[in-house]
Each structure stands twice: as C-alpha cells, then as structure tokens.
ModelCIF file with pLDDT and N, C-alpha, C, O atoms, coordinates in Angstrom:
data_MODEL
#
_entry.id   MODEL 
#
_entity.id                         1 
_entity.type                       polymer 
_entity.pdbx_number_of_molecules   1 
#
_entity_poly.entity_id                      1 
_entity_poly.type                           'polypeptide(L)' 
_entity_poly.nstd_linkage                   no 
_entity_poly.nstd_monomer                   no 
_entity_poly.pdbx_seq_one_letter_code       GGYDVKLSEVHGMAQRGGSVVTFVRYGDKVCEPIVEEGQADVLIAFER 
_entity_poly.pdbx_seq_one_letter_code_can   GGYDVKLSEVHGMAQRGGSVVTFVRYGDKVCEPIVEEGQADVLIAFER 
_entity_poly.pdbx_strand_id                 A 
#
loop_
_entity_poly_seq.entity_id 
_entity_poly_seq.num 
_entity_poly_seq.mon_id 
_entity_poly_seq.hetero 
1 1  GLY n 
1 2  GLY n 
1 3  TYR n 
1 4  ASP n 
1 5  VAL n 
1 6  LYS n 
1 7  LEU n 
1 8  SER n 
1 9  GLU n 
1 10 VAL n 
1 11 HIS n 
1 12 GLY n 
1 13 MET n 
1 14 ALA n 
1 15 GLN n 
1 16 ARG n 
1 17 GLY n 
1 18 GLY n 
1 19 SER n 
1 20 VAL n 
1 21 VAL n 
1 22 THR n 
1 23 PHE n 
1 24 VAL n 
1 25 ARG n 
1 26 TYR n 
1 27 GLY n 
1 28 ASP n 
1 29 LYS n 
1 30 VAL n 
1 31 CYS n 
1 32 GLU n 
1 33 PRO n 
1 34 ILE n 
1 35 VAL n 
1 36 GLU n 
1 37 GLU n 
1 38 GLY n 
1 39 GLN n 
1 40 ALA n 
1 41 ASP n 
1 42 VAL n 
1 43 LEU n 
1 44 ILE n 
1 45 ALA n 
1 46 PHE n 
1 47 GLU n 
1 48 ARG n 
#
_struct_asym.id          A 
_struct_asym.entity_id   1 
#
loop_
_ma_qa_metric.id 
_ma_qa_metric.mode 
_ma_qa_metric.name 
_ma_qa_metric.software_group_id 
_ma_qa_metric.type 
1 global pLDDT . pLDDT 
2 local  pLDDT . pLDDT 
#
_ma_qa_metric_global.metric_id      1 
_ma_qa_metric_global.metric_value   84.31 
_ma_qa_metric_global.model_id       1 
_ma_qa_metric_global.ordinal_id     1 
#
loop_
_ma_qa_metric_local.label_asym_id 
_ma_qa_metric_local.label_comp_id 
_ma_qa_metric_local.label_seq_id 
_ma_qa_metric_local.metric_id 
_ma_qa_metric_local.metric_value 
_ma_qa_metric_local.model_id 
_ma_qa_metric_local.ordinal_id 
A GLY 1  2 89.00 1 1  
A GLY 2  2 91.00 1 2  
A TYR 3  2 93.00 1 3  
A ASP 4  2 92.00 1 4  
A VAL 5  2 92.00 1 5  
A LYS 6  2 91.00 1 6  
A LEU 7  2 88.00 1 7  
A SER 8  2 86.00 1 8  
A GLU 9  2 76.00 1 9  
A VAL 10 2 71.00 1 10 
A HIS 11 2 59.00 1 11 
A GLY 12 2 58.00 1 12 
A MET 13 2 52.00 1 13 
A ALA 14 2 48.00 1 14 
A GLN 15 2 53.00 1 15 
A ARG 16 2 56.00 1 16 
A GLY 17 2 63.00 1 17 
A GLY 18 2 72.00 1 18 
A SER 19 2 76.00 1 19 
A VAL 20 2 82.00 1 20 
A VAL 21 2 88.00 1 21 
A THR 22 2 89.00 1 22 
A PHE 23 2 91.00 1 23 
A VAL 24 2 92.00 1 24 
A ARG 25 2 92.00 1 25 
A TYR 26 2 92.00 1 26 
A GLY 27 2 91.00 1 27 
A ASP 28 2 92.00 1 28 
A LYS 29 2 92.00 1 29 
A VAL 30 2 92.00 1 30 
A CYS 31 2 87.00 1 31 
A GLU 32 2 85.00 1 32 
A PRO 33 2 86.00 1 33 
A ILE 34 2 86.00 1 34 
A VAL 35 2 89.00 1 35 
A GLU 36 2 90.00 1 36 
A GLU 37 2 94.00 1 37 
A GLY 38 2 95.00 1 38 
A GLN 39 2 95.00 1 39 
A ALA 40 2 96.00 1 40 
A ASP 41 2 95.00 1 41 
A VAL 42 2 94.00 1 42 
A LEU 43 2 95.00 1 43 
A ILE 44 2 94.00 1 44 
A ALA 45 2 94.00 1 45 
A PHE 46 2 92.00 1 46 
A GLU 47 2 90.00 1 47 
A ARG 48 2 91.00 1 48 
#
loop_
_atom_site.group_PDB 
_atom_site.id 
_atom_site.type_symbol 
_atom_site.label_atom_id 
_atom_site.label_alt_id 
_atom_site.label_comp_id 
_atom_site.label_asym_id 
_atom_site.label_entity_id 
_atom_site.label_seq_id 
_atom_site.pdbx_PDB_ins_code 
_atom_site.Cartn_x 
_atom_site.Cartn_y 
_atom_site.Cartn_z 
_atom_site.occupancy 
_atom_site.B_iso_or_equiv 
_atom_site.pdbx_formal_charge 
_atom_site.auth_seq_id 
_atom_site.auth_comp_id 
_atom_site.auth_asym_id 
_atom_site.auth_atom_id 
_atom_site.pdbx_PDB_model_num 
ATOM 1   N N  . GLY A 1 1  ? 0.808  -1.219  0.000  1.00 89.00 ? 1  GLY A N  1 
ATOM 2   C CA . GLY A 1 1  ? 0.000  0.000   0.000  1.00 89.00 ? 1  GLY A CA 1 
ATOM 3   C C  . GLY A 1 1  ? 0.840  1.268   0.000  1.00 89.00 ? 1  GLY A C  1 
ATOM 4   O O  . GLY A 1 1  ? 0.298  2.371   -0.055 1.00 89.00 ? 1  GLY A O  1 
ATOM 5   N N  . GLY A 1 2  ? 2.171  1.118   0.062  1.00 91.00 ? 2  GLY A N  1 
ATOM 6   C CA . GLY A 1 2  ? 3.056  2.268   -0.014 1.00 91.00 ? 2  GLY A CA 1 
ATOM 7   C C  . GLY A 1 2  ? 3.363  2.940   1.315  1.00 91.00 ? 2  GLY A C  1 
ATOM 8   O O  . GLY A 1 2  ? 3.869  4.062   1.340  1.00 91.00 ? 2  GLY A O  1 
ATOM 9   N N  . TYR A 1 3  ? 3.060  2.262   2.424  1.00 93.00 ? 3  TYR A N  1 
ATOM 10  C CA . TYR A 1 3  ? 3.296  2.857   3.733  1.00 93.00 ? 3  TYR A CA 1 
ATOM 11  C C  . TYR A 1 3  ? 4.604  2.352   4.341  1.00 93.00 ? 3  TYR A C  1 
ATOM 12  O O  . TYR A 1 3  ? 5.115  1.291   3.982  1.00 93.00 ? 3  TYR A O  1 
ATOM 13  N N  . ASP A 1 4  ? 5.124  3.150   5.273  1.00 92.00 ? 4  ASP A N  1 
ATOM 14  C CA . ASP A 1 4  ? 6.242  2.727   6.093  1.00 92.00 ? 4  ASP A CA 1 
ATOM 15  C C  . ASP A 1 4  ? 5.669  1.774   7.139  1.00 92.00 ? 4  ASP A C  1 
ATOM 16  O O  . ASP A 1 4  ? 4.613  2.054   7.707  1.00 92.00 ? 4  ASP A O  1 
ATOM 17  N N  . VAL A 1 5  ? 6.335  0.668   7.402  1.00 92.00 ? 5  VAL A N  1 
ATOM 18  C CA . VAL A 1 5  ? 5.832  -0.310  8.367  1.00 92.00 ? 5  VAL A CA 1 
ATOM 19  C C  . VAL A 1 5  ? 6.965  -0.795  9.259  1.00 92.00 ? 5  VAL A C  1 
ATOM 20  O O  . VAL A 1 5  ? 8.092  -0.991  8.805  1.00 92.00 ? 5  VAL A O  1 
ATOM 21  N N  . LYS A 1 6  ? 6.652  -0.983  10.522 1.00 91.00 ? 6  LYS A N  1 
ATOM 22  C CA . LYS A 1 6  ? 7.607  -1.540  11.487 1.00 91.00 ? 6  LYS A CA 1 
ATOM 23  C C  . LYS A 1 6  ? 6.918  -2.698  12.198 1.00 91.00 ? 6  LYS A C  1 
ATOM 24  O O  . LYS A 1 6  ? 5.772  -2.592  12.636 1.00 91.00 ? 6  LYS A O  1 
ATOM 25  N N  . LEU A 1 7  ? 7.654  -3.816  12.301 1.00 88.00 ? 7  LEU A N  1 
ATOM 26  C CA . LEU A 1 7  ? 7.159  -4.998  12.994 1.00 88.00 ? 7  LEU A CA 1 
ATOM 27  C C  . LEU A 1 7  ? 8.043  -5.273  14.201 1.00 88.00 ? 7  LEU A C  1 
ATOM 28  O O  . LEU A 1 7  ? 9.255  -5.067  14.150 1.00 88.00 ? 7  LEU A O  1 
ATOM 29  N N  . SER A 1 8  ? 7.443  -5.732  15.269 1.00 86.00 ? 8  SER A N  1 
ATOM 30  C CA . SER A 1 8  ? 8.195  -6.138  16.442 1.00 86.00 ? 8  SER A CA 1 
ATOM 31  C C  . SER A 1 8  ? 7.526  -7.366  17.026 1.00 86.00 ? 8  SER A C  1 
ATOM 32  O O  . SER A 1 8  ? 6.310  -7.391  17.213 1.00 86.00 ? 8  SER A O  1 
ATOM 33  N N  . GLU A 1 9  ? 8.318  -8.381  17.311 1.00 76.00 ? 9  GLU A N  1 
ATOM 34  C CA . GLU A 1 9  ? 7.784  -9.629  17.840 1.00 76.00 ? 9  GLU A CA 1 
ATOM 35  C C  . GLU A 1 9  ? 8.304  -9.850  19.255 1.00 76.00 ? 9  GLU A C  1 
ATOM 36  O O  . GLU A 1 9  ? 9.492  -9.682  19.527 1.00 76.00 ? 9  GLU A O  1 
ATOM 37  N N  . VAL A 1 10 ? 7.394  -10.231 20.152 1.00 71.00 ? 10 VAL A N  1 
ATOM 38  C CA . VAL A 1 10 ? 7.749  -10.530 21.528 1.00 71.00 ? 10 VAL A CA 1 
ATOM 39  C C  . VAL A 1 10 ? 7.347  -11.976 21.776 1.00 71.00 ? 10 VAL A C  1 
ATOM 40  O O  . VAL A 1 10 ? 6.168  -12.321 21.704 1.00 71.00 ? 10 VAL A O  1 
ATOM 41  N N  . HIS A 1 11 ? 8.317  -12.807 22.063 1.00 59.00 ? 11 HIS A N  1 
ATOM 42  C CA . HIS A 1 11 ? 8.042  -14.224 22.291 1.00 59.00 ? 11 HIS A CA 1 
ATOM 43  C C  . HIS A 1 11 ? 8.114  -14.526 23.776 1.00 59.00 ? 11 HIS A C  1 
ATOM 44  O O  . HIS A 1 11 ? 9.080  -14.176 24.456 1.00 59.00 ? 11 HIS A O  1 
ATOM 45  N N  . GLY A 1 12 ? 7.070  -15.185 24.266 1.00 58.00 ? 12 GLY A N  1 
ATOM 46  C CA . GLY A 1 12 ? 7.157  -15.739 25.610 1.00 58.00 ? 12 GLY A CA 1 
ATOM 47  C C  . GLY A 1 12 ? 7.788  -17.109 25.443 1.00 58.00 ? 12 GLY A C  1 
ATOM 48  O O  . GLY A 1 12 ? 8.781  -17.255 24.730 1.00 58.00 ? 12 GLY A O  1 
ATOM 49  N N  . MET A 1 13 ? 7.235  -18.083 26.075 1.00 52.00 ? 13 MET A N  1 
ATOM 50  C CA . MET A 1 13 ? 7.694  -19.463 25.887 1.00 52.00 ? 13 MET A CA 1 
ATOM 51  C C  . MET A 1 13 ? 6.935  -20.032 24.699 1.00 52.00 ? 13 MET A C  1 
ATOM 52  O O  . MET A 1 13 ? 6.122  -20.944 24.850 1.00 52.00 ? 13 MET A O  1 
ATOM 53  N N  . ALA A 1 14 ? 7.203  -19.492 23.522 1.00 48.00 ? 14 ALA A N  1 
ATOM 54  C CA . ALA A 1 14 ? 6.438  -19.816 22.323 1.00 48.00 ? 14 ALA A CA 1 
ATOM 55  C C  . ALA A 1 14 ? 6.389  -21.311 22.039 1.00 48.00 ? 14 ALA A C  1 
ATOM 56  O O  . ALA A 1 14 ? 5.331  -21.834 21.691 1.00 48.00 ? 14 ALA A O  1 
ATOM 57  N N  . GLN A 1 15 ? 7.507  -22.005 22.178 1.00 53.00 ? 15 GLN A N  1 
ATOM 58  C CA . GLN A 1 15 ? 7.508  -23.433 21.903 1.00 53.00 ? 15 GLN A CA 1 
ATOM 59  C C  . GLN A 1 15 ? 6.749  -24.214 22.966 1.00 53.00 ? 15 GLN A C  1 
ATOM 60  O O  . GLN A 1 15 ? 6.418  -25.379 22.746 1.00 53.00 ? 15 GLN A O  1 
ATOM 61  N N  . ARG A 1 16 ? 6.472  -23.621 24.078 1.00 56.00 ? 16 ARG A N  1 
ATOM 62  C CA . ARG A 1 16 ? 5.791  -24.295 25.181 1.00 56.00 ? 16 ARG A CA 1 
ATOM 63  C C  . ARG A 1 16 ? 4.351  -23.824 25.344 1.00 56.00 ? 16 ARG A C  1 
ATOM 64  O O  . ARG A 1 16 ? 3.740  -24.051 26.388 1.00 56.00 ? 16 ARG A O  1 
ATOM 65  N N  . GLY A 1 17 ? 3.809  -23.176 24.330 1.00 63.00 ? 17 GLY A N  1 
ATOM 66  C CA . GLY A 1 17 ? 2.428  -22.721 24.413 1.00 63.00 ? 17 GLY A CA 1 
ATOM 67  C C  . GLY A 1 17 ? 2.273  -21.383 25.111 1.00 63.00 ? 17 GLY A C  1 
ATOM 68  O O  . GLY A 1 17 ? 1.168  -21.024 25.520 1.00 63.00 ? 17 GLY A O  1 
ATOM 69  N N  . GLY A 1 18 ? 3.356  -20.644 25.254 1.00 72.00 ? 18 GLY A N  1 
ATOM 70  C CA . GLY A 1 18 ? 3.296  -19.338 25.913 1.00 72.00 ? 18 GLY A CA 1 
ATOM 71  C C  . GLY A 1 18 ? 2.843  -18.246 24.968 1.00 72.00 ? 18 GLY A C  1 
ATOM 72  O O  . GLY A 1 18 ? 2.696  -18.477 23.768 1.00 72.00 ? 18 GLY A O  1 
ATOM 73  N N  . SER A 1 19 ? 2.624  -17.073 25.497 1.00 76.00 ? 19 SER A N  1 
ATOM 74  C CA . SER A 1 19 ? 2.156  -15.927 24.716 1.00 76.00 ? 19 SER A CA 1 
ATOM 75  C C  . SER A 1 19 ? 3.161  -15.497 23.658 1.00 76.00 ? 19 SER A C  1 
ATOM 76  O O  . SER A 1 19 ? 4.372  -15.508 23.876 1.00 76.00 ? 19 SER A O  1 
ATOM 77  N N  . VAL A 1 20 ? 2.621  -15.119 22.513 1.00 82.00 ? 20 VAL A N  1 
ATOM 78  C CA . VAL A 1 20 ? 3.408  -14.509 21.445 1.00 82.00 ? 20 VAL A CA 1 
ATOM 79  C C  . VAL A 1 20 ? 2.667  -13.231 21.064 1.00 82.00 ? 20 VAL A C  1 
ATOM 80  O O  . VAL A 1 20 ? 1.466  -13.259 20.796 1.00 82.00 ? 20 VAL A O  1 
ATOM 81  N N  . VAL A 1 21 ? 3.376  -12.128 21.041 1.00 88.00 ? 21 VAL A N  1 
ATOM 82  C CA . VAL A 1 21 ? 2.786  -10.829 20.714 1.00 88.00 ? 21 VAL A CA 1 
ATOM 83  C C  . VAL A 1 21 ? 3.567  -10.218 19.566 1.00 88.00 ? 21 VAL A C  1 
ATOM 84  O O  . VAL A 1 21 ? 4.798  -10.196 19.584 1.00 88.00 ? 21 VAL A O  1 
ATOM 85  N N  . THR A 1 22 ? 2.853  -9.724  18.572 1.00 89.00 ? 22 THR A N  1 
ATOM 86  C CA . THR A 1 22 ? 3.490  -9.023  17.464 1.00 89.00 ? 22 THR A CA 1 
ATOM 87  C C  . THR A 1 22 ? 2.844  -7.651  17.331 1.00 89.00 ? 22 THR A C  1 
ATOM 88  O O  . THR A 1 22 ? 1.620  -7.524  17.337 1.00 89.00 ? 22 THR A O  1 
ATOM 89  N N  . PHE A 1 23 ? 3.677  -6.634  17.212 1.00 91.00 ? 23 PHE A N  1 
ATOM 90  C CA . PHE A 1 23 ? 3.212  -5.273  16.981 1.00 91.00 ? 23 PHE A CA 1 
ATOM 91  C C  . PHE A 1 23 ? 3.446  -4.929  15.513 1.00 91.00 ? 23 PHE A C  1 
ATOM 92  O O  . PHE A 1 23 ? 4.515  -5.206  14.969 1.00 91.00 ? 23 PHE A O  1 
ATOM 93  N N  . VAL A 1 24 ? 2.456  -4.332  14.879 1.00 92.00 ? 24 VAL A N  1 
ATOM 94  C CA . VAL A 1 24 ? 2.579  -3.857  13.499 1.00 92.00 ? 24 VAL A CA 1 
ATOM 95  C C  . VAL A 1 24 ? 2.143  -2.401  13.507 1.00 92.00 ? 24 VAL A C  1 
ATOM 96  O O  . VAL A 1 24 ? 1.002  -2.083  13.845 1.00 92.00 ? 24 VAL A O  1 
ATOM 97  N N  . ARG A 1 25 ? 3.064  -1.521  13.131 1.00 92.00 ? 25 ARG A N  1 
ATOM 98  C CA . ARG A 1 25 ? 2.753  -0.088  13.081 1.00 92.00 ? 25 ARG A CA 1 
ATOM 99  C C  . ARG A 1 25 ? 3.012  0.404   11.667 1.00 92.00 ? 25 ARG A C  1 
ATOM 100 O O  . ARG A 1 25 ? 4.023  0.058   11.056 1.00 92.00 ? 25 ARG A O  1 
ATOM 101 N N  . TYR A 1 26 ? 2.091  1.216   11.146 1.00 92.00 ? 26 TYR A N  1 
ATOM 102 C CA . TYR A 1 26 ? 2.289  1.734   9.793  1.00 92.00 ? 26 TYR A CA 1 
ATOM 103 C C  . TYR A 1 26 ? 1.701  3.126   9.628  1.00 92.00 ? 26 TYR A C  1 
ATOM 104 O O  . TYR A 1 26 ? 0.794  3.538   10.350 1.00 92.00 ? 26 TYR A O  1 
ATOM 105 N N  . GLY A 1 27 ? 2.254  3.832   8.648  1.00 91.00 ? 27 GLY A N  1 
ATOM 106 C CA . GLY A 1 27 ? 1.831  5.191   8.342  1.00 91.00 ? 27 GLY A CA 1 
ATOM 107 C C  . GLY A 1 27 ? 2.794  5.797   7.347  1.00 91.00 ? 27 GLY A C  1 
ATOM 108 O O  . GLY A 1 27 ? 3.547  5.077   6.691  1.00 91.00 ? 27 GLY A O  1 
ATOM 109 N N  . ASP A 1 28 ? 2.779  7.121   7.227  1.00 92.00 ? 28 ASP A N  1 
ATOM 110 C CA . ASP A 1 28 ? 3.700  7.788   6.310  1.00 92.00 ? 28 ASP A CA 1 
ATOM 111 C C  . ASP A 1 28 ? 5.151  7.603   6.761  1.00 92.00 ? 28 ASP A C  1 
ATOM 112 O O  . ASP A 1 28 ? 6.034  7.337   5.946  1.00 92.00 ? 28 ASP A O  1 
ATOM 113 N N  . LYS A 1 29 ? 5.385  7.746   8.058  1.00 92.00 ? 29 LYS A N  1 
ATOM 114 C CA . LYS A 1 29 ? 6.725  7.561   8.627  1.00 92.00 ? 29 LYS A CA 1 
ATOM 115 C C  . LYS A 1 29 ? 6.560  7.014   10.034 1.00 92.00 ? 29 LYS A C  1 
ATOM 116 O O  . LYS A 1 29 ? 5.948  7.658   10.887 1.00 92.00 ? 29 LYS A O  1 
ATOM 117 N N  . VAL A 1 30 ? 7.101  5.829   10.279 1.00 92.00 ? 30 VAL A N  1 
ATOM 118 C CA . VAL A 1 30 ? 7.008  5.187   11.594 1.00 92.00 ? 30 VAL A CA 1 
ATOM 119 C C  . VAL A 1 30 ? 8.408  5.094   12.172 1.00 92.00 ? 30 VAL A C  1 
ATOM 120 O O  . VAL A 1 30 ? 9.318  4.559   11.539 1.00 92.00 ? 30 VAL A O  1 
ATOM 121 N N  . CYS A 1 31 ? 8.573  5.614   13.370 1.00 87.00 ? 31 CYS A N  1 
ATOM 122 C CA . CYS A 1 31 ? 9.905  5.641   13.977 1.00 87.00 ? 31 CYS A CA 1 
ATOM 123 C C  . CYS A 1 31 ? 10.190 4.458   14.886 1.00 87.00 ? 31 CYS A C  1 
ATOM 124 O O  . CYS A 1 31 ? 11.332 4.006   14.965 1.00 87.00 ? 31 CYS A O  1 
ATOM 125 N N  . GLU A 1 32 ? 9.177  3.947   15.574 1.00 85.00 ? 32 GLU A N  1 
ATOM 126 C CA . GLU A 1 32 ? 9.425  2.844   16.492 1.00 85.00 ? 32 GLU A CA 1 
ATOM 127 C C  . GLU A 1 32 ? 8.363  1.762   16.333 1.00 85.00 ? 32 GLU A C  1 
ATOM 128 O O  . GLU A 1 32 ? 7.232  2.059   15.949 1.00 85.00 ? 32 GLU A O  1 
ATOM 129 N N  . PRO A 1 33 ? 8.714  0.511   16.626 1.00 86.00 ? 33 PRO A N  1 
ATOM 130 C CA . PRO A 1 33 ? 7.803  -0.602  16.352 1.00 86.00 ? 33 PRO A CA 1 
ATOM 131 C C  . PRO A 1 33 ? 6.850  -0.980  17.481 1.00 86.00 ? 33 PRO A C  1 
ATOM 132 O O  . PRO A 1 33 ? 5.952  -1.795  17.270 1.00 86.00 ? 33 PRO A O  1 
ATOM 133 N N  . ILE A 1 34 ? 7.018  -0.419  18.655 1.00 86.00 ? 34 ILE A N  1 
ATOM 134 C CA . ILE A 1 34 ? 6.236  -0.864  19.808 1.00 86.00 ? 34 ILE A CA 1 
ATOM 135 C C  . ILE A 1 34 ? 4.933  -0.083  19.931 1.00 86.00 ? 34 ILE A C  1 
ATOM 136 O O  . ILE A 1 34 ? 4.921  1.142   19.816 1.00 86.00 ? 34 ILE A O  1 
ATOM 137 N N  . VAL A 1 35 ? 3.832  -0.803  20.168 1.00 89.00 ? 35 VAL A N  1 
ATOM 138 C CA . VAL A 1 35 ? 2.521  -0.193  20.400 1.00 89.00 ? 35 VAL A CA 1 
ATOM 139 C C  . VAL A 1 35 ? 2.359  -0.005  21.904 1.00 89.00 ? 35 VAL A C  1 
ATOM 140 O O  . VAL A 1 35 ? 2.553  -0.940  22.681 1.00 89.00 ? 35 VAL A O  1 
ATOM 141 N N  . GLU A 1 36 ? 2.006  1.201   22.302 1.00 90.00 ? 36 GLU A N  1 
ATOM 142 C CA . GLU A 1 36 ? 1.818  1.506   23.720 1.00 90.00 ? 36 GLU A CA 1 
ATOM 143 C C  . GLU A 1 36 ? 0.412  1.103   24.165 1.00 90.00 ? 36 GLU A C  1 
ATOM 144 O O  . GLU A 1 36 ? -0.486 0.945   23.337 1.00 90.00 ? 36 GLU A O  1 
ATOM 145 N N  . GLU A 1 37 ? 0.228  0.939   25.468 1.00 94.00 ? 37 GLU A N  1 
ATOM 146 C CA . GLU A 1 37 ? -1.090 0.621   26.012 1.00 94.00 ? 37 GLU A CA 1 
ATOM 147 C C  . GLU A 1 37 ? -2.097 1.688   25.589 1.00 94.00 ? 37 GLU A C  1 
ATOM 148 O O  . GLU A 1 37 ? -1.794 2.881   25.597 1.00 94.00 ? 37 GLU A O  1 
ATOM 149 N N  . GLY A 1 38 ? -3.291 1.245   25.223 1.00 95.00 ? 38 GLY A N  1 
ATOM 150 C CA . GLY A 1 38 ? -4.358 2.156   24.827 1.00 95.00 ? 38 GLY A CA 1 
ATOM 151 C C  . GLY A 1 38 ? -4.206 2.742   23.439 1.00 95.00 ? 38 GLY A C  1 
ATOM 152 O O  . GLY A 1 38 ? -4.920 3.685   23.098 1.00 95.00 ? 38 GLY A O  1 
ATOM 153 N N  . GLN A 1 39 ? -3.291 2.211   22.614 1.00 95.00 ? 39 GLN A N  1 
ATOM 154 C CA . GLN A 1 39 ? -3.025 2.799   21.301 1.00 95.00 ? 39 GLN A CA 1 
ATOM 155 C C  . GLN A 1 39 ? -3.327 1.891   20.105 1.00 95.00 ? 39 GLN A C  1 
ATOM 156 O O  . GLN A 1 39 ? -3.234 2.345   18.965 1.00 95.00 ? 39 GLN A O  1 
ATOM 157 N N  . ALA A 1 40 ? -3.682 0.630   20.330 1.00 96.00 ? 40 ALA A N  1 
ATOM 158 C CA . ALA A 1 40 ? -3.924 -0.291  19.210 1.00 96.00 ? 40 ALA A CA 1 
ATOM 159 C C  . ALA A 1 40 ? -5.271 0.011   18.544 1.00 96.00 ? 40 ALA A C  1 
ATOM 160 O O  . ALA A 1 40 ? -6.306 0.067   19.207 1.00 96.00 ? 40 ALA A O  1 
ATOM 161 N N  . ASP A 1 41 ? -5.237 0.201   17.234 1.00 95.00 ? 41 ASP A N  1 
ATOM 162 C CA . ASP A 1 41 ? -6.470 0.394   16.467 1.00 95.00 ? 41 ASP A CA 1 
ATOM 163 C C  . ASP A 1 41 ? -7.184 -0.941  16.273 1.00 95.00 ? 41 ASP A C  1 
ATOM 164 O O  . ASP A 1 41 ? -8.413 -1.016  16.290 1.00 95.00 ? 41 ASP A O  1 
ATOM 165 N N  . VAL A 1 42 ? -6.385 -1.991  16.088 1.00 94.00 ? 42 VAL A N  1 
ATOM 166 C CA . VAL A 1 42 ? -6.914 -3.345  15.892 1.00 94.00 ? 42 VAL A CA 1 
ATOM 167 C C  . VAL A 1 42 ? -6.104 -4.299  16.761 1.00 94.00 ? 42 VAL A C  1 
ATOM 168 O O  . VAL A 1 42 ? -4.874 -4.248  16.787 1.00 94.00 ? 42 VAL A O  1 
ATOM 169 N N  . LEU A 1 43 ? -6.812 -5.165  17.467 1.00 95.00 ? 43 LEU A N  1 
ATOM 170 C CA . LEU A 1 43 ? -6.179 -6.231  18.236 1.00 95.00 ? 43 LEU A CA 1 
ATOM 171 C C  . LEU A 1 43 ? -6.704 -7.542  17.671 1.00 95.00 ? 43 LEU A C  1 
ATOM 172 O O  . LEU A 1 43 ? -7.903 -7.817  17.722 1.00 95.00 ? 43 LEU A O  1 
ATOM 173 N N  . ILE A 1 44 ? -5.797 -8.346  17.133 1.00 94.00 ? 44 ILE A N  1 
ATOM 174 C CA . ILE A 1 44 ? -6.170 -9.648  16.584 1.00 94.00 ? 44 ILE A CA 1 
ATOM 175 C C  . ILE A 1 44 ? -5.708 -10.689 17.587 1.00 94.00 ? 44 ILE A C  1 
ATOM 176 O O  . ILE A 1 44 ? -4.514 -10.819 17.856 1.00 94.00 ? 44 ILE A O  1 
ATOM 177 N N  . ALA A 1 45 ? -6.668 -11.434 18.142 1.00 94.00 ? 45 ALA A N  1 
ATOM 178 C CA . ALA A 1 45 ? -6.347 -12.437 19.153 1.00 94.00 ? 45 ALA A CA 1 
ATOM 179 C C  . ALA A 1 45 ? -6.719 -13.820 18.638 1.00 94.00 ? 45 ALA A C  1 
ATOM 180 O O  . ALA A 1 45 ? -7.853 -14.058 18.222 1.00 94.00 ? 45 ALA A O  1 
ATOM 181 N N  . PHE A 1 46 ? -5.748 -14.728 18.671 1.00 92.00 ? 46 PHE A N  1 
ATOM 182 C CA . PHE A 1 46 ? -5.973 -16.091 18.190 1.00 92.00 ? 46 PHE A CA 1 
ATOM 183 C C  . PHE A 1 46 ? -6.581 -17.001 19.250 1.00 92.00 ? 46 PHE A C  1 
ATOM 184 O O  . PHE A 1 46 ? -6.827 -18.180 18.995 1.00 92.00 ? 46 PHE A O  1 
ATOM 185 N N  . GLU A 1 47 ? -6.825 -16.452 20.443 1.00 90.00 ? 47 GLU A N  1 
ATOM 186 C CA . GLU A 1 47 ? -7.368 -17.242 21.539 1.00 90.00 ? 47 GLU A CA 1 
ATOM 187 C C  . GLU A 1 47 ? -8.018 -16.272 22.517 1.00 90.00 ? 47 GLU A C  1 
ATOM 188 O O  . GLU A 1 47 ? -7.529 -15.158 22.706 1.00 90.00 ? 47 GLU A O  1 
ATOM 189 N N  . ARG A 1 48 ? -9.134 -16.698 23.147 1.00 91.00 ? 48 ARG A N  1 
ATOM 190 C CA . ARG A 1 48 ? -9.921 -15.816 24.032 1.00 91.00 ? 48 ARG A CA 1 
ATOM 191 C C  . ARG A 1 48 ? -9.124 -15.233 25.194 1.00 91.00 ? 48 ARG A C  1 
ATOM 192 O O  . ARG A 1 48 ? -9.671 -14.482 26.002 1.00 91.00 ? 48 ARG A O  1 
#
C-alpha cells in the first residue's frame, strides 16, 4: 500500500504454548515498532 511499516515480535515461551505478541505499526513515517497501552487500532487475538 506504499506505507512505512515496522514490525516487532515478543516471544514468551512460544515453543511451550506461551504468549506470542506481534506489533505492526504503519503510516507515512514510523519511527518505532512498539505499540503503547491504549493505542492499538486493531487487536487480533488467536485465543480468548
């Protein structure tokens, strides 16, 4: 889509069924990959 994008992955005990979190930030210019609390436009959860 022509946007700047930053990805950041946070792995818990991923191989042991632990939490895995990925941040995706995009726009005209993105400086950092981490999403702060209260700032996610979309939260995609693979489990309740």
